Protein backbone atom coordinates (compact mmCIF):
# COMPACT_ATOMS: atom_id res chain seq x y z
CA UNK A 1 -6.50 3.70 17.66
CA UNK A 2 -3.66 5.51 19.43
CA UNK A 3 -1.59 8.41 18.17
CA UNK A 4 1.63 6.44 18.71
CA UNK A 5 3.92 6.22 15.66
CA UNK A 6 3.40 3.10 13.58
CA UNK A 7 5.63 1.35 11.06
CA UNK A 8 3.45 2.51 8.16
CA UNK A 9 4.26 6.12 9.14
CA UNK A 10 7.60 5.49 7.41
CA UNK A 11 5.93 5.70 4.00
CA UNK A 12 7.23 8.36 1.65
CA UNK A 13 5.56 11.77 1.90
CA UNK A 14 4.28 14.02 -0.87
CA UNK A 15 7.13 16.45 -0.20
CA UNK A 16 9.75 13.74 -0.67
CA UNK A 17 8.01 12.47 -3.82
CA UNK A 18 8.39 15.95 -5.31
CA UNK A 19 12.17 15.65 -4.87
CA UNK A 20 12.60 12.30 -6.67
CA UNK A 21 14.07 12.05 -10.14
CA UNK A 22 12.03 10.38 -12.89
CA UNK A 23 13.95 7.10 -12.63
CA UNK A 24 13.40 6.95 -8.88
CA UNK A 25 9.71 7.73 -9.35
CA UNK A 26 9.34 4.92 -11.88
CA UNK A 27 11.03 2.43 -9.50
CA UNK A 28 8.90 3.59 -6.55
CA UNK A 29 5.73 3.31 -8.65
CA UNK A 30 6.55 -0.26 -9.71
CA UNK A 31 7.38 -1.21 -6.11
CA UNK A 32 4.18 0.31 -4.72
CA UNK A 33 2.11 -1.41 -7.39
CA UNK A 34 3.72 -4.81 -6.74
CA UNK A 35 3.59 -4.55 -2.96
CA UNK A 36 -0.04 -3.44 -3.01
CA UNK A 37 -0.97 -6.52 -5.03
CA UNK A 38 1.08 -8.77 -2.73
CA UNK A 39 -0.60 -7.39 0.39
CA UNK A 40 -4.08 -7.66 -1.11
CA UNK A 41 -3.55 -11.29 -2.12
CA UNK A 42 -1.97 -12.11 1.26
CA UNK A 43 -4.91 -10.63 3.16
CA UNK A 44 -7.29 -12.61 0.99
CA UNK A 45 -5.29 -15.79 1.64
CA UNK A 46 -5.38 -15.20 5.40
CA UNK A 47 -9.13 -14.75 5.26
CA UNK A 48 -9.46 -18.03 3.40
CA UNK A 49 -7.23 -19.82 5.93
CA UNK A 50 -9.25 -18.42 8.83
CA UNK A 51 -12.55 -19.48 7.27
CA UNK A 52 -11.28 -22.99 6.60
CA UNK A 53 -9.74 -23.37 10.06
CA UNK A 54 -12.86 -22.03 11.80
CA UNK A 55 -15.00 -24.64 10.07
CA UNK A 56 -12.66 -27.41 11.22
CA UNK A 57 -14.53 -29.03 14.15
CA UNK A 58 -11.41 -30.81 15.45
CA UNK A 59 -9.08 -27.88 16.03
CA UNK A 60 -10.69 -24.63 14.81
CA UNK A 61 -9.21 -21.30 15.87
CA UNK A 62 -8.61 -19.93 19.34
CA UNK A 63 -10.03 -16.53 20.31
CA UNK A 64 -6.49 -15.24 20.81
CA UNK A 65 -5.44 -16.31 17.32
CA UNK A 66 -8.47 -14.69 15.74
CA UNK A 67 -7.88 -11.45 17.66
CA UNK A 68 -4.18 -11.39 16.73
CA UNK A 69 -4.92 -12.00 13.07
CA UNK A 70 -7.68 -9.38 13.17
CA UNK A 71 -5.31 -6.70 14.47
CA UNK A 72 -2.67 -7.71 11.94
CA UNK A 73 -5.22 -7.46 9.11
CA UNK A 74 -6.30 -4.05 10.41
CA UNK A 75 -2.70 -2.87 10.31
CA UNK A 76 -2.09 -4.36 6.87
CA UNK A 77 -5.28 -2.78 5.56
CA UNK A 78 -4.18 0.65 6.74
CA UNK A 79 -0.75 0.09 5.22
CA UNK A 80 -2.35 -0.97 1.96
CA UNK A 81 -4.45 2.21 1.90
CA UNK A 82 -1.35 4.31 2.60
CA UNK A 83 0.57 2.53 -0.14
CA UNK A 84 -2.30 3.14 -2.53
CA UNK A 85 -2.24 6.86 -1.65
CA UNK A 86 1.53 6.90 -2.15
CA UNK A 87 1.19 5.24 -5.52
CA UNK A 88 -1.35 7.89 -6.53
CA UNK A 89 0.99 10.70 -5.44
CA UNK A 90 3.83 9.15 -7.41
CA UNK A 91 1.63 8.80 -10.50
CA UNK A 92 0.53 12.43 -10.16
CA UNK A 93 4.19 13.53 -9.99
CA UNK A 94 5.13 11.35 -12.98
CA UNK A 95 2.26 12.88 -14.96
CA UNK A 96 3.37 16.39 -14.02
CA UNK A 97 6.95 15.64 -15.06
CA UNK A 98 5.72 14.18 -18.33
CA UNK A 99 3.63 17.28 -19.06
CA UNK A 100 6.52 19.63 -18.30
CA UNK A 101 8.82 17.65 -20.61
CA UNK A 102 6.48 18.00 -23.59
CA UNK A 103 7.29 20.91 -25.88
CA UNK A 104 4.64 23.60 -25.83
CA UNK A 105 3.12 24.63 -29.15
CA UNK A 106 4.15 28.08 -30.38
CA UNK A 107 1.71 30.89 -29.80
CA UNK A 108 0.17 32.47 -32.85
């Protein structure tokens, strides 16, 4: 893997998560959750398509197609992991905001 910038490097950072308001955090959390599920199901669907096409004796899959799909799945898998990390950071921030909003019991 190269050190060249990739499109998944555009994901939100922990520092920028700390700056988001509660409403923005809630929206980002819902988006990350939904997109993670979409990517996971899409990757699974591609795997199923590849398996079915590879078992087709008439046309099957070309080496180039398999390689291209493999690299795409690699990229999507890394994006999915990054999105999962982002979702965790957002949840951590939401939890921290929730704790700071709760009134503290008086000291005796």
